[in-house]
Amino acid sequence: MPDIRPSLDARPRTVTGKAVRRLRSEGVLPAVVYGRGLPSESIQVDAKTFADLSRRISRNTLVDLAVDGERARPVLIHDVQHHPVTRRPLHVDLFVVRMTEELTVDVPLTFDGIPPAVDKLGGTLFHAIDAIQVRALPDKLPGSLGVDVRGLATFDDAIHVRDLALPPDVTLVSEPDDVVAKVLPPRVVEEEAPAVEEAEAGEEGAEAGEGAATAPEAAEAEPA
């Protein structure tokens, strides 16, 4: 049974500029839909519906967008602007895709497992990158890619982009030799240096004390 794409209903939007604040206060989220060879359209969607949808899909999930009851078009959520403090969505850009044209997108990476170099050697897992670029048809785009880090047994081991398993019909765009993850050795703190410095300072103080003690003796011997 084929997967059913999530859907999103929208209405044309005539309110623009600072006046969109009123829409937001009414639970409406302003948006724009556009695509290659298509004019940009100002639309609006229900803010709660969009928030619920965002929690269920990934950045590369196709969504069927229907504006004012018209025939639905497949879109990707290209960009979401958030409030800097509350992180509430303020504006959404939706990109209409052509199902027969490949897209180049960033695919987020998820890291699974605990490396032996962390568990047994006390190292720290380092994520060099958190996404890679791939190219595929819109309905073949992966939502995310898993990275199994349990093979990192030593500090010399590393996982590269070329080691990741891509789904069929997906082409790698990122540099294959880029490092994805490795384990960094624990930091070594040198604690002996201060003790040596304190000992040397004590010796210098003792030598200065000896010099001060002999000076009066020389002074006393002069009158005789």
Protein backbone atom coordinates (compact mmCIF):
# COMPACT_ATOMS: atom_id res chain seq x y z
CA MET A 1 0.00 0.00 0.00
CA PRO A 2 1.56 3.33 -1.02
CA ASP A 3 2.31 5.92 1.62
CA ILE A 4 -0.29 8.67 1.97
CA ARG A 5 1.29 12.11 1.93
CA PRO A 6 0.32 14.53 4.69
CA SER A 7 -1.88 17.41 3.55
CA LEU A 8 -2.17 21.08 4.40
CA ASP A 9 -5.06 23.42 3.57
CA ALA A 10 -4.45 27.10 2.88
CA ARG A 11 -6.27 30.23 1.82
CA PRO A 12 -5.15 33.17 -0.33
CA ARG A 13 -3.71 36.03 1.76
CA THR A 14 -4.30 39.71 1.04
CA VAL A 15 -2.82 41.04 4.28
CA THR A 16 0.88 41.89 3.98
CA GLY A 17 3.57 43.88 5.77
CA LYS A 18 3.21 44.73 9.45
CA ALA A 19 -0.52 44.00 9.27
CA VAL A 20 0.24 40.27 9.40
CA ARG A 21 0.68 40.66 13.16
CA ARG A 22 -3.10 40.75 13.40
CA LEU A 23 -3.27 37.43 11.56
CA ARG A 24 -0.84 35.83 13.98
CA SER A 25 -2.85 37.08 16.95
CA GLU A 26 -5.86 35.29 15.42
CA GLY A 27 -4.01 31.98 15.12
CA VAL A 28 -3.19 32.37 11.44
CA LEU A 29 0.29 31.77 10.03
CA PRO A 30 1.32 33.81 6.94
CA ALA A 31 3.10 31.88 4.21
CA VAL A 32 4.35 32.07 0.63
CA VAL A 33 4.24 29.31 -1.97
CA TYR A 34 6.46 29.39 -5.05
CA GLY A 35 8.24 27.12 -7.52
CA ARG A 36 10.29 27.06 -10.71
CA GLY A 37 8.43 28.99 -13.39
CA LEU A 38 5.57 29.77 -11.00
CA PRO A 39 4.58 33.17 -9.59
CA SER A 40 4.90 33.62 -5.84
CA GLU A 41 1.57 33.39 -3.97
CA SER A 42 0.80 34.88 -0.58
CA ILE A 43 -1.23 32.38 1.45
CA GLN A 44 -2.19 31.70 5.04
CA VAL A 45 -2.59 28.50 7.05
CA ASP A 46 -3.93 27.61 10.46
CA ALA A 47 -1.03 28.03 12.92
CA LYS A 48 -2.01 25.08 15.14
CA THR A 49 -2.49 22.76 12.17
CA PHE A 50 0.93 23.69 10.82
CA ALA A 51 2.56 23.19 14.25
CA ASP A 52 1.03 19.70 14.53
CA LEU A 53 2.20 18.87 11.00
CA SER A 54 5.75 20.06 11.67
CA ARG A 55 6.09 17.70 14.63
CA ARG A 56 5.16 14.69 12.47
CA ILE A 57 7.33 15.22 9.40
CA SER A 58 10.94 15.88 8.44
CA ARG A 59 12.35 18.75 6.41
CA ASN A 60 12.28 16.59 3.25
CA THR A 61 8.75 15.23 3.57
CA LEU A 62 6.42 16.02 0.69
CA VAL A 63 3.17 17.72 1.69
CA ASP A 64 0.05 18.05 -0.46
CA LEU A 65 -0.90 21.73 -0.34
CA ALA A 66 -4.45 22.72 -1.34
CA VAL A 67 -5.13 26.46 -1.65
CA ASP A 68 -8.77 27.48 -1.36
CA GLY A 69 -9.99 24.01 -2.25
CA GLU A 70 -8.07 23.78 -5.51
CA ARG A 71 -6.19 20.68 -6.65
CA ALA A 72 -3.40 19.82 -4.20
CA ARG A 73 0.22 20.39 -5.20
CA PRO A 74 3.25 18.62 -3.71
CA VAL A 75 5.42 21.04 -1.73
CA LEU A 76 8.40 21.00 0.60
CA ILE A 77 8.61 23.20 3.68
CA HIS A 78 11.61 25.16 2.47
CA ASP A 79 12.03 27.60 5.34
CA VAL A 80 10.35 28.55 8.61
CA GLN A 81 11.03 31.85 10.34
CA HIS A 82 10.73 31.65 14.14
CA HIS A 83 10.37 34.21 16.89
CA PRO A 84 13.85 34.63 18.45
CA VAL A 85 12.54 34.16 22.01
CA THR A 86 9.40 32.01 21.91
CA ARG A 87 10.46 30.03 18.79
CA ARG A 88 6.88 30.34 17.55
CA PRO A 89 6.63 30.13 13.73
CA LEU A 90 6.21 33.58 12.16
CA HIS A 91 6.31 32.82 8.44
CA VAL A 92 6.64 29.79 6.17
CA ASP A 93 8.09 29.36 2.67
CA LEU A 94 6.63 26.43 0.69
CA PHE A 95 8.31 25.19 -2.48
CA VAL A 96 6.27 23.49 -5.21
CA VAL A 97 8.20 20.52 -6.61
CA ARG A 98 8.08 18.75 -9.95
CA MET A 99 7.88 15.04 -9.33
CA THR A 100 10.01 14.24 -12.39
CA GLU A 101 12.91 16.56 -11.46
CA GLU A 102 15.62 15.65 -8.98
CA LEU A 103 16.32 17.94 -6.03
CA THR A 104 19.51 18.53 -4.08
CA VAL A 105 18.78 18.78 -0.36
CA ASP A 106 20.44 18.53 3.04
CA VAL A 107 19.60 15.36 4.94
CA PRO A 108 20.05 15.44 8.74
CA LEU A 109 22.09 12.71 10.42
CA THR A 110 21.05 10.81 13.54
CA PHE A 111 23.72 9.08 15.64
CA ASP A 112 23.05 5.68 17.17
CA GLY A 113 24.96 3.66 19.77
CA ILE A 114 27.86 4.29 22.17
CA PRO A 115 31.41 3.97 20.77
CA PRO A 116 33.78 1.66 22.69
CA ALA A 117 36.34 4.49 22.61
CA VAL A 118 33.89 6.51 24.71
CA ASP A 119 32.67 3.71 26.98
CA LYS A 120 36.05 2.06 27.66
CA LEU A 121 38.67 4.71 26.89
CA GLY A 122 36.93 7.79 28.26
CA GLY A 123 36.86 9.70 24.97
CA THR A 124 34.29 12.18 23.70
CA LEU A 125 32.19 11.55 20.59
CA PHE A 126 32.68 14.38 18.08
CA HIS A 127 30.10 15.08 15.35
CA ALA A 128 32.03 16.77 12.55
CA ILE A 129 28.86 17.35 10.51
CA ASP A 130 25.15 16.97 11.24
CA ALA A 131 23.84 16.71 7.65
CA ILE A 132 24.93 15.67 4.16
CA GLN A 133 23.80 16.71 0.71
CA VAL A 134 22.08 14.23 -1.61
CA ARG A 135 20.19 14.34 -4.89
CA ALA A 136 17.01 12.39 -5.68
CA LEU A 137 13.50 12.66 -7.02
CA PRO A 138 11.13 14.38 -4.58
CA ASP A 139 9.38 11.16 -3.51
CA LYS A 140 12.75 9.42 -2.92
CA LEU A 141 14.27 12.02 -0.60
CA PRO A 142 15.22 10.50 2.79
CA GLY A 143 13.96 12.27 5.88
CA SER A 144 17.16 11.43 7.79
CA LEU A 145 20.11 9.03 7.75
CA GLY A 146 21.26 6.94 10.69
CA VAL A 147 24.94 6.76 11.67
CA ASP A 148 26.00 3.75 13.76
CA VAL A 149 28.98 4.90 15.87
CA ARG A 150 29.53 1.58 17.68
CA GLY A 151 32.45 0.80 15.36
CA LEU A 152 34.59 3.59 16.80
CA ALA A 153 36.81 1.45 19.01
CA THR A 154 39.95 3.63 19.07
CA PHE A 155 40.85 7.29 18.75
CA ASP A 156 42.20 6.60 15.26
CA ASP A 157 38.86 5.31 13.95
CA ALA A 158 36.56 7.63 12.01
CA ILE A 159 33.32 7.45 10.05
CA HIS A 160 33.40 9.19 6.67
CA VAL A 161 30.59 10.28 4.39
CA ARG A 162 31.45 7.40 2.04
CA ASP A 163 30.65 4.94 4.85
CA LEU A 164 27.00 5.98 5.06
CA ALA A 165 24.40 3.71 3.52
CA LEU A 166 22.18 5.64 1.11
CA PRO A 167 18.74 4.43 0.04
CA PRO A 168 18.26 3.28 -3.57
CA ASP A 169 17.85 6.04 -6.17
CA VAL A 170 19.67 8.56 -3.96
CA THR A 171 22.94 10.11 -5.17
CA LEU A 172 25.58 11.50 -2.83
CA VAL A 173 26.54 15.14 -3.42
CA SER A 174 28.72 15.81 -0.36
CA GLU A 175 32.46 15.11 -0.43
CA PRO A 176 32.90 11.34 0.28
CA ASP A 177 36.10 11.84 2.29
CA ASP A 178 34.57 14.28 4.77
CA VAL A 179 34.64 13.02 8.36
CA VAL A 180 31.24 12.46 9.92
CA ALA A 181 32.21 11.37 13.42
CA LYS A 182 35.18 10.28 15.52
CA VAL A 183 36.12 9.98 19.18
CA LEU A 184 38.45 12.54 20.73
CA PRO A 185 40.84 11.41 23.49
CA PRO A 186 40.37 12.82 27.00
CA ARG A 187 42.26 15.98 27.79
CA VAL A 188 45.39 15.51 29.90
CA VAL A 189 45.79 18.11 32.65
CA GLU A 190 49.39 18.67 33.82
CA GLU A 191 49.24 19.12 37.59
CA GLU A 192 52.95 18.70 38.39
CA ALA A 193 54.11 21.98 36.88
CA PRO A 194 52.70 24.22 39.68
CA ALA A 195 54.35 22.04 42.34
CA VAL A 196 57.73 22.33 40.62
CA GLU A 197 57.32 26.09 40.32
CA GLU A 198 56.47 26.36 44.04
CA ALA A 199 59.55 24.29 44.93
CA GLU A 200 61.80 26.48 42.80
CA ALA A 201 60.30 29.59 44.37
CA GLY A 202 61.01 28.16 47.83
CA GLU A 203 64.63 27.47 46.94
CA GLU A 204 65.07 31.00 45.65
CA GLY A 205 63.60 32.37 48.87
CA ALA A 206 65.99 30.26 50.96
CA GLU A 207 69.00 31.46 49.01
CA ALA A 208 67.90 35.07 49.47
CA GLY A 209 67.54 34.45 53.20
CA GLU A 210 71.05 33.04 53.47
CA GLY A 211 72.50 36.14 51.75
CA ALA A 212 70.67 38.44 54.16
CA ALA A 213 72.03 36.60 57.17
CA THR A 214 75.71 36.86 56.17
CA ALA A 215 75.65 40.60 55.38
CA PRO A 216 75.47 41.76 59.04
CA GLU A 217 78.34 39.39 59.94
CA ALA A 218 80.58 41.09 57.39
CA ALA A 219 79.55 44.49 58.71
CA GLU A 220 80.38 43.52 62.26
CA ALA A 221 83.81 42.30 61.30
CA GLU A 222 84.86 45.63 59.74
CA PRO A 223 85.33 47.66 63.00
CA ALA A 224 87.67 45.05 64.39
